[in-house]
Amino acid sequence: ATLANHAFAAAVGTWLTTLMGPHTLRWVLGLSFIAMAVWTLIPDKFDEDEAKLPRLGVFGATLVAFFLAEMGDKTQIATVALAAQYQALVAVVAGTTLGMMIANVPAVLLGDRIATRMPVKLVHGIAAAIFLGLGIATLAGAGEGLGF
């Protein structure tokens, strides 16, 4: 689900580069990264009462739920922006998919033990700072001389 989701997002990002000139794309990407920084600081909401297990079993339910939950979320939008900025579909898909796996595997394996000890606000703050830095760097023209 992660690979399909990120491949689709990267394809969209790569396609966007054909629709906009470099100057417009730089502004769209820079502002998108800054918007991602703000969005990262807004907590996600999950209503356990509305969660239902489909007839696909645990694996199928997880596959479908994860794919649908990731559509249009922060990671997919970041993947679109990265693919548009760097125009390297395979590298972006590999990097974002690996990044999601690195972030998700400990959460799945350690579950509640790590969730109660992880400073979520700090993690969100660090992620927001990274997105803000990417946005500012993009708006400032970082990478222009490198072919990005």
N, C-alpha and C. Protein backbone atom coordinates (compact mmCIF):
# COMPACT_ATOMS: atom_id res chain seq x y z
N ALA A 1 0.84 -1.19 0.00
CA ALA A 1 0.00 0.00 0.00
C ALA A 1 0.87 1.24 0.00
N THR A 2 1.94 1.22 0.80
CA THR A 2 2.83 2.38 0.87
C THR A 2 3.52 2.62 -0.46
N LEU A 3 4.03 1.57 -1.06
CA LEU A 3 4.72 1.70 -2.34
C LEU A 3 3.79 2.23 -3.42
N ALA A 4 2.58 1.68 -3.52
CA ALA A 4 1.62 2.15 -4.52
C ALA A 4 1.24 3.61 -4.28
N ASN A 5 1.02 3.96 -3.02
CA ASN A 5 0.63 5.31 -2.67
C ASN A 5 1.72 6.31 -3.03
N HIS A 6 2.95 5.98 -2.68
CA HIS A 6 4.05 6.91 -2.94
C HIS A 6 4.41 6.96 -4.41
N ALA A 7 4.27 5.86 -5.12
CA ALA A 7 4.52 5.87 -6.56
C ALA A 7 3.51 6.77 -7.27
N PHE A 8 2.24 6.68 -6.86
CA PHE A 8 1.21 7.54 -7.46
C PHE A 8 1.51 9.01 -7.15
N ALA A 9 1.85 9.31 -5.90
CA ALA A 9 2.13 10.69 -5.51
C ALA A 9 3.34 11.24 -6.26
N ALA A 10 4.38 10.45 -6.41
CA ALA A 10 5.57 10.89 -7.12
C ALA A 10 5.27 11.10 -8.61
N ALA A 11 4.44 10.25 -9.18
CA ALA A 11 4.05 10.42 -10.58
C ALA A 11 3.30 11.74 -10.76
N VAL A 12 2.42 12.06 -9.83
CA VAL A 12 1.69 13.33 -9.89
C VAL A 12 2.68 14.49 -9.79
N GLY A 13 3.63 14.39 -8.86
CA GLY A 13 4.62 15.45 -8.70
C GLY A 13 5.46 15.65 -9.95
N THR A 14 5.87 14.56 -10.55
CA THR A 14 6.65 14.64 -11.79
C THR A 14 5.83 15.25 -12.91
N TRP A 15 4.55 14.87 -12.99
CA TRP A 15 3.65 15.42 -14.01
C TRP A 15 3.45 16.92 -13.82
N LEU A 16 3.39 17.38 -12.56
CA LEU A 16 3.19 18.81 -12.29
C LEU A 16 4.29 19.66 -12.90
N THR A 17 5.49 19.09 -12.99
CA THR A 17 6.60 19.87 -13.56
C THR A 17 6.37 20.18 -15.03
N THR A 18 5.53 19.42 -15.70
CA THR A 18 5.24 19.69 -17.11
C THR A 18 4.18 20.79 -17.27
N LEU A 19 3.49 21.12 -16.19
CA LEU A 19 2.42 22.11 -16.25
C LEU A 19 2.86 23.52 -15.88
N MET A 20 3.97 23.64 -15.17
CA MET A 20 4.40 24.94 -14.66
C MET A 20 5.84 25.22 -15.04
N GLY A 21 6.12 26.49 -15.19
CA GLY A 21 7.50 26.90 -15.42
C GLY A 21 8.29 26.81 -14.12
N PRO A 22 9.60 26.86 -14.21
CA PRO A 22 10.45 26.71 -13.02
C PRO A 22 10.17 27.75 -11.93
N HIS A 23 9.94 29.00 -12.32
CA HIS A 23 9.71 30.05 -11.33
C HIS A 23 8.39 29.82 -10.59
N THR A 24 7.32 29.52 -11.32
CA THR A 24 6.02 29.25 -10.70
C THR A 24 6.10 28.00 -9.84
N LEU A 25 6.74 26.97 -10.34
CA LEU A 25 6.88 25.72 -9.60
C LEU A 25 7.63 25.95 -8.29
N ARG A 26 8.68 26.77 -8.33
CA ARG A 26 9.44 27.05 -7.10
C ARG A 26 8.54 27.69 -6.05
N TRP A 27 7.71 28.63 -6.45
CA TRP A 27 6.81 29.28 -5.48
C TRP A 27 5.75 28.32 -4.97
N VAL A 28 5.19 27.53 -5.86
CA VAL A 28 4.17 26.55 -5.44
C VAL A 28 4.78 25.56 -4.46
N LEU A 29 5.95 25.05 -4.79
CA LEU A 29 6.60 24.07 -3.91
C LEU A 29 7.02 24.69 -2.59
N GLY A 30 7.62 25.85 -2.63
CA GLY A 30 8.05 26.51 -1.40
C GLY A 30 6.88 26.77 -0.46
N LEU A 31 5.79 27.30 -1.00
CA LEU A 31 4.61 27.56 -0.18
C LEU A 31 3.95 26.25 0.27
N SER A 32 4.03 25.21 -0.56
CA SER A 32 3.48 23.91 -0.16
C SER A 32 4.25 23.32 1.01
N PHE A 33 5.57 23.43 0.99
CA PHE A 33 6.36 22.94 2.12
C PHE A 33 6.04 23.71 3.40
N ILE A 34 5.86 25.02 3.27
CA ILE A 34 5.51 25.83 4.45
C ILE A 34 4.12 25.45 4.96
N ALA A 35 3.18 25.21 4.04
CA ALA A 35 1.84 24.76 4.45
C ALA A 35 1.92 23.41 5.14
N MET A 36 2.82 22.54 4.66
CA MET A 36 3.01 21.24 5.30
C MET A 36 3.52 21.41 6.73
N ALA A 37 4.38 22.40 6.93
CA ALA A 37 4.90 22.66 8.28
C ALA A 37 3.76 23.01 9.22
N VAL A 38 2.86 23.86 8.76
CA VAL A 38 1.71 24.25 9.59
C VAL A 38 0.80 23.05 9.81
N TRP A 39 0.51 22.30 8.74
CA TRP A 39 -0.39 21.14 8.83
C TRP A 39 0.16 20.08 9.78
N THR A 40 1.49 19.93 9.81
CA THR A 40 2.12 18.95 10.68
C THR A 40 1.85 19.26 12.16
N LEU A 41 1.67 20.52 12.47
CA LEU A 41 1.41 20.91 13.86
C LEU A 41 -0.04 20.71 14.28
N ILE A 42 -0.92 20.40 13.32
CA ILE A 42 -2.33 20.14 13.62
C ILE A 42 -2.48 18.65 13.91
N PRO A 43 -2.93 18.28 15.12
CA PRO A 43 -3.02 16.86 15.47
C PRO A 43 -4.01 16.09 14.59
N ASP A 44 -3.64 14.83 14.28
CA ASP A 44 -4.55 13.95 13.56
C ASP A 44 -5.65 13.49 14.49
N LYS A 45 -6.82 13.20 13.92
CA LYS A 45 -7.94 12.71 14.73
C LYS A 45 -8.34 11.33 14.22
N PHE A 46 -8.62 10.42 15.16
CA PHE A 46 -9.05 9.07 14.81
C PHE A 46 -10.19 8.70 15.73
N ASP A 47 -11.32 8.35 15.14
CA ASP A 47 -12.50 7.97 15.93
C ASP A 47 -12.61 6.45 15.93
N GLU A 48 -12.25 5.84 17.05
CA GLU A 48 -12.26 4.37 17.13
C GLU A 48 -13.66 3.80 17.00
N ASP A 49 -14.70 4.56 17.37
CA ASP A 49 -16.07 4.07 17.25
C ASP A 49 -16.48 3.85 15.81
N GLU A 50 -15.89 4.64 14.90
CA GLU A 50 -16.25 4.53 13.48
C GLU A 50 -15.40 3.52 12.73
N ALA A 51 -14.34 3.03 13.35
CA ALA A 51 -13.45 2.06 12.71
C ALA A 51 -14.12 0.69 12.70
N LYS A 52 -14.23 0.11 11.52
CA LYS A 52 -14.84 -1.22 11.37
C LYS A 52 -13.89 -2.12 10.59
N LEU A 53 -13.83 -3.37 10.96
CA LEU A 53 -12.98 -4.34 10.27
C LEU A 53 -13.74 -4.90 9.07
N PRO A 54 -13.25 -4.64 7.84
CA PRO A 54 -13.93 -5.19 6.68
C PRO A 54 -13.77 -6.71 6.60
N ARG A 55 -14.43 -7.30 5.67
CA ARG A 55 -14.43 -8.76 5.51
C ARG A 55 -13.15 -9.29 4.89
N LEU A 56 -12.16 -8.45 4.72
CA LEU A 56 -10.92 -8.86 4.06
C LEU A 56 -9.91 -9.47 5.02
N GLY A 57 -10.23 -9.54 6.29
CA GLY A 57 -9.29 -10.04 7.29
C GLY A 57 -8.36 -8.93 7.75
N VAL A 58 -7.49 -9.26 8.67
CA VAL A 58 -6.60 -8.25 9.26
C VAL A 58 -5.66 -7.67 8.21
N PHE A 59 -5.02 -8.53 7.40
CA PHE A 59 -4.09 -8.03 6.38
C PHE A 59 -4.82 -7.15 5.37
N GLY A 60 -5.92 -7.64 4.83
CA GLY A 60 -6.66 -6.87 3.84
C GLY A 60 -7.19 -5.56 4.40
N ALA A 61 -7.69 -5.61 5.63
CA ALA A 61 -8.20 -4.39 6.27
C ALA A 61 -7.08 -3.38 6.46
N THR A 62 -5.91 -3.85 6.87
CA THR A 62 -4.77 -2.96 7.07
C THR A 62 -4.31 -2.37 5.74
N LEU A 63 -4.23 -3.19 4.71
CA LEU A 63 -3.81 -2.74 3.38
C LEU A 63 -4.74 -1.66 2.86
N VAL A 64 -6.04 -1.91 2.89
CA VAL A 64 -7.02 -0.95 2.38
C VAL A 64 -7.05 0.31 3.25
N ALA A 65 -7.09 0.13 4.56
CA ALA A 65 -7.17 1.28 5.47
C ALA A 65 -5.94 2.17 5.34
N PHE A 66 -4.76 1.56 5.27
CA PHE A 66 -3.54 2.35 5.17
C PHE A 66 -3.49 3.09 3.85
N PHE A 67 -3.83 2.41 2.77
CA PHE A 67 -3.81 3.06 1.46
C PHE A 67 -4.76 4.24 1.43
N LEU A 68 -5.99 4.04 1.90
CA LEU A 68 -6.99 5.12 1.89
C LEU A 68 -6.62 6.24 2.85
N ALA A 69 -6.09 5.88 4.02
CA ALA A 69 -5.72 6.90 5.00
C ALA A 69 -4.58 7.78 4.50
N GLU A 70 -3.71 7.21 3.70
CA GLU A 70 -2.56 7.96 3.21
C GLU A 70 -2.88 8.83 1.99
N MET A 71 -4.00 8.56 1.32
CA MET A 71 -4.36 9.36 0.14
C MET A 71 -4.63 10.79 0.56
N GLY A 72 -3.86 11.71 0.04
CA GLY A 72 -4.07 13.12 0.31
C GLY A 72 -3.58 13.58 1.67
N ASP A 73 -2.85 12.74 2.38
CA ASP A 73 -2.36 13.18 3.68
C ASP A 73 -1.00 13.87 3.52
N LYS A 74 -0.41 14.21 4.64
CA LYS A 74 0.84 14.97 4.63
C LYS A 74 1.96 14.25 3.87
N THR A 75 2.11 12.95 4.08
CA THR A 75 3.21 12.24 3.44
C THR A 75 3.03 12.17 1.92
N GLN A 76 1.80 12.01 1.49
CA GLN A 76 1.58 11.94 0.05
C GLN A 76 1.81 13.31 -0.59
N ILE A 77 1.36 14.35 0.06
CA ILE A 77 1.58 15.69 -0.48
C ILE A 77 3.06 16.03 -0.48
N ALA A 78 3.77 15.62 0.57
CA ALA A 78 5.22 15.83 0.60
C ALA A 78 5.89 15.06 -0.54
N THR A 79 5.41 13.85 -0.83
CA THR A 79 5.96 13.06 -1.93
C THR A 79 5.73 13.76 -3.26
N VAL A 80 4.53 14.30 -3.46
CA VAL A 80 4.24 15.06 -4.68
C VAL A 80 5.21 16.23 -4.81
N ALA A 81 5.39 16.97 -3.73
CA ALA A 81 6.27 18.15 -3.76
C ALA A 81 7.71 17.75 -4.02
N LEU A 82 8.19 16.70 -3.36
CA LEU A 82 9.57 16.27 -3.58
C LEU A 82 9.79 15.79 -5.00
N ALA A 83 8.84 15.04 -5.54
CA ALA A 83 8.99 14.56 -6.92
C ALA A 83 8.97 15.73 -7.90
N ALA A 84 8.14 16.72 -7.62
CA ALA A 84 8.09 17.89 -8.50
C ALA A 84 9.38 18.69 -8.41
N GLN A 85 9.93 18.80 -7.20
CA GLN A 85 11.14 19.59 -7.03
C GLN A 85 12.37 18.91 -7.63
N TYR A 86 12.51 17.62 -7.41
CA TYR A 86 13.73 16.93 -7.82
C TYR A 86 13.61 16.15 -9.12
N GLN A 87 12.40 15.93 -9.61
CA GLN A 87 12.17 15.23 -10.87
C GLN A 87 12.95 13.93 -10.95
N ALA A 88 12.90 13.17 -9.86
CA ALA A 88 13.59 11.88 -9.78
C ALA A 88 12.61 10.87 -9.20
N LEU A 89 11.71 10.39 -10.03
CA LEU A 89 10.60 9.55 -9.60
C LEU A 89 11.04 8.36 -8.77
N VAL A 90 11.97 7.57 -9.26
CA VAL A 90 12.38 6.35 -8.56
C VAL A 90 13.03 6.68 -7.22
N ALA A 91 13.90 7.67 -7.20
CA ALA A 91 14.58 8.05 -5.96
C ALA A 91 13.59 8.58 -4.92
N VAL A 92 12.62 9.37 -5.37
CA VAL A 92 11.63 9.91 -4.44
C VAL A 92 10.73 8.80 -3.91
N VAL A 93 10.26 7.93 -4.78
CA VAL A 93 9.42 6.81 -4.33
C VAL A 93 10.19 5.93 -3.35
N ALA A 94 11.43 5.60 -3.69
CA ALA A 94 12.23 4.76 -2.79
C ALA A 94 12.47 5.45 -1.45
N GLY A 95 12.82 6.72 -1.49
CA GLY A 95 13.09 7.46 -0.26
C GLY A 95 11.87 7.65 0.62
N THR A 96 10.75 8.04 0.02
CA THR A 96 9.55 8.27 0.83
C THR A 96 8.98 6.95 1.35
N THR A 97 9.04 5.91 0.54
CA THR A 97 8.55 4.60 1.00
C THR A 97 9.43 4.07 2.12
N LEU A 98 10.74 4.15 1.95
CA LEU A 98 11.66 3.70 3.00
C LEU A 98 11.46 4.53 4.28
N GLY A 99 11.30 5.83 4.10
CA GLY A 99 11.06 6.70 5.26
C GLY A 99 9.80 6.32 6.01
N MET A 100 8.73 6.01 5.28
CA MET A 100 7.48 5.59 5.92
C MET A 100 7.67 4.25 6.62
N MET A 101 8.42 3.35 6.02
CA MET A 101 8.64 2.05 6.65
C MET A 101 9.47 2.21 7.93
N ILE A 102 10.49 3.06 7.88
CA ILE A 102 11.31 3.30 9.07
C ILE A 102 10.47 3.91 10.18
N ALA A 103 9.55 4.79 9.81
CA ALA A 103 8.69 5.42 10.81
C ALA A 103 7.62 4.47 11.32
N ASN A 104 7.09 3.60 10.46
CA ASN A 104 5.96 2.76 10.84
C ASN A 104 6.33 1.43 11.47
N VAL A 105 7.43 0.82 11.07
CA VAL A 105 7.78 -0.50 11.61
C VAL A 105 7.94 -0.47 13.12
N PRO A 106 8.69 0.50 13.68
CA PRO A 106 8.76 0.52 15.15
C PRO A 106 7.39 0.73 15.81
N ALA A 107 6.56 1.55 15.19
CA ALA A 107 5.23 1.78 15.76
C ALA A 107 4.40 0.51 15.76
N VAL A 108 4.51 -0.28 14.70
CA VAL A 108 3.76 -1.54 14.63
C VAL A 108 4.33 -2.55 15.61
N LEU A 109 5.65 -2.68 15.65
CA LEU A 109 6.27 -3.68 16.50
C LEU A 109 6.19 -3.35 17.99
N LEU A 110 6.33 -2.09 18.32
CA LEU A 110 6.36 -1.70 19.72
C LEU A 110 5.03 -1.14 20.22
N GLY A 111 4.17 -0.76 19.28
CA GLY A 111 2.81 -0.33 19.60
C GLY A 111 2.67 0.58 20.79
N ASP A 112 1.88 0.14 21.75
CA ASP A 112 1.55 0.95 22.91
C ASP A 112 2.76 1.30 23.77
N ARG A 113 3.75 0.41 23.80
CA ARG A 113 4.93 0.68 24.64
C ARG A 113 5.65 1.95 24.24
N ILE A 114 5.76 2.17 22.93
CA ILE A 114 6.47 3.36 22.47
C ILE A 114 5.53 4.58 22.38
N ALA A 115 4.26 4.35 22.09
CA ALA A 115 3.32 5.46 21.92
C ALA A 115 3.17 6.28 23.19
N THR A 116 3.19 5.64 24.33
CA THR A 116 3.02 6.37 25.58
C THR A 116 4.28 7.12 25.99
N ARG A 117 5.42 6.74 25.45
CA ARG A 117 6.69 7.38 25.82
C ARG A 117 7.20 8.37 24.78
N MET A 118 6.65 8.33 23.58
CA MET A 118 7.13 9.19 22.52
C MET A 118 6.55 10.59 22.66
N PRO A 119 7.40 11.59 22.68
CA PRO A 119 6.91 12.97 22.78
C PRO A 119 6.36 13.44 21.41
N VAL A 120 5.09 13.17 21.18
CA VAL A 120 4.49 13.41 19.88
C VAL A 120 4.61 14.88 19.46
N LYS A 121 4.41 15.79 20.40
CA LYS A 121 4.52 17.21 20.06
C LYS A 121 5.94 17.56 19.60
N LEU A 122 6.93 16.96 20.24
CA LEU A 122 8.31 17.20 19.84
C LEU A 122 8.57 16.66 18.44
N VAL A 123 8.10 15.44 18.17
CA VAL A 123 8.27 14.84 16.84
C VAL A 123 7.58 15.70 15.78
N HIS A 124 6.37 16.15 16.06
CA HIS A 124 5.66 17.01 15.11
C HIS A 124 6.39 18.34 14.93
N GLY A 125 6.94 18.87 16.02
CA GLY A 125 7.68 20.12 15.94
C GLY A 125 8.92 20.00 15.08
N ILE A 126 9.63 18.89 15.22
CA ILE A 126 10.83 18.65 14.41
C ILE A 126 10.46 18.49 12.94
N ALA A 127 9.40 17.72 12.68
CA ALA A 127 8.94 17.54 11.29
C ALA A 127 8.51 18.88 10.69
N ALA A 128 7.79 19.69 11.47
CA ALA A 128 7.35 21.01 10.99
C ALA A 128 8.56 21.89 10.68
N ALA A 129 9.57 21.84 11.53
CA ALA A 129 10.77 22.65 11.29
C ALA A 129 11.48 22.21 10.01
N ILE A 130 11.51 20.91 9.76
CA ILE A 130 12.13 20.42 8.52
C ILE A 130 11.36 20.91 7.30
N PHE A 131 10.02 20.79 7.34
CA PHE A 131 9.21 21.27 6.22
C PHE A 131 9.38 22.78 6.03
N LEU A 132 9.42 23.52 7.13
CA LEU A 132 9.61 24.97 7.04
C LEU A 132 10.96 25.28 6.41
N GLY A 133 12.00 24.57 6.84
CA GLY A 133 13.33 24.77 6.26
C GLY A 133 13.35 24.46 4.77
N LEU A 134 12.69 23.37 4.38
CA LEU A 134 12.60 23.04 2.95
C LEU A 134 11.86 24.12 2.17
N GLY A 135 10.79 24.63 2.75
CA GLY A 135 10.01 25.69 2.09
C GLY A 135 10.82 26.95 1.90
N ILE A 136 11.49 27.38 2.96
CA ILE A 136 12.30 28.60 2.87
C ILE A 136 13.45 28.40 1.88
N ALA A 137 14.11 27.25 1.95
CA ALA A 137 15.22 26.97 1.04
C ALA A 137 14.74 26.95 -0.41
N THR A 138 13.57 26.35 -0.64
CA THR A 138 13.02 26.30 -2.00
C THR A 138 12.69 27.69 -2.50
N LEU A 139 12.05 28.50 -1.67
CA LEU A 139 11.71 29.87 -2.07
C LEU A 139 12.97 30.71 -2.31
N ALA A 140 14.02 30.41 -1.56
CA ALA A 140 15.28 31.15 -1.72
C ALA A 140 16.06 30.67 -2.95
N GLY A 141 15.61 29.60 -3.59
CA GLY A 141 16.26 29.12 -4.81
C GLY A 141 17.31 28.06 -4.58
N ALA A 142 17.26 27.40 -3.43
CA ALA A 142 18.24 26.34 -3.16
C ALA A 142 18.16 25.27 -4.22
N GLY A 143 19.30 24.85 -4.70
CA GLY A 143 19.36 23.77 -5.68
C GLY A 143 19.22 24.20 -7.11
N GLU A 144 19.00 25.50 -7.37
CA GLU A 144 18.83 25.96 -8.75
C GLU A 144 20.03 25.64 -9.63
N GLY A 145 21.22 25.85 -9.12
CA GLY A 145 22.42 25.60 -9.90
C GLY A 145 22.76 24.12 -10.03
N LEU A 146 22.03 23.29 -9.28
CA LEU A 146 22.31 21.85 -9.30
C LEU A 146 21.38 21.09 -10.23
N GLY A 147 20.50 21.80 -10.92
CA GLY A 147 19.58 21.14 -11.84
C GLY A 147 18.29 20.71 -11.21
N PHE A 148 18.00 21.19 -10.00
CA PHE A 148 16.74 20.80 -9.33
C PHE A 148 15.62 21.69 -9.79
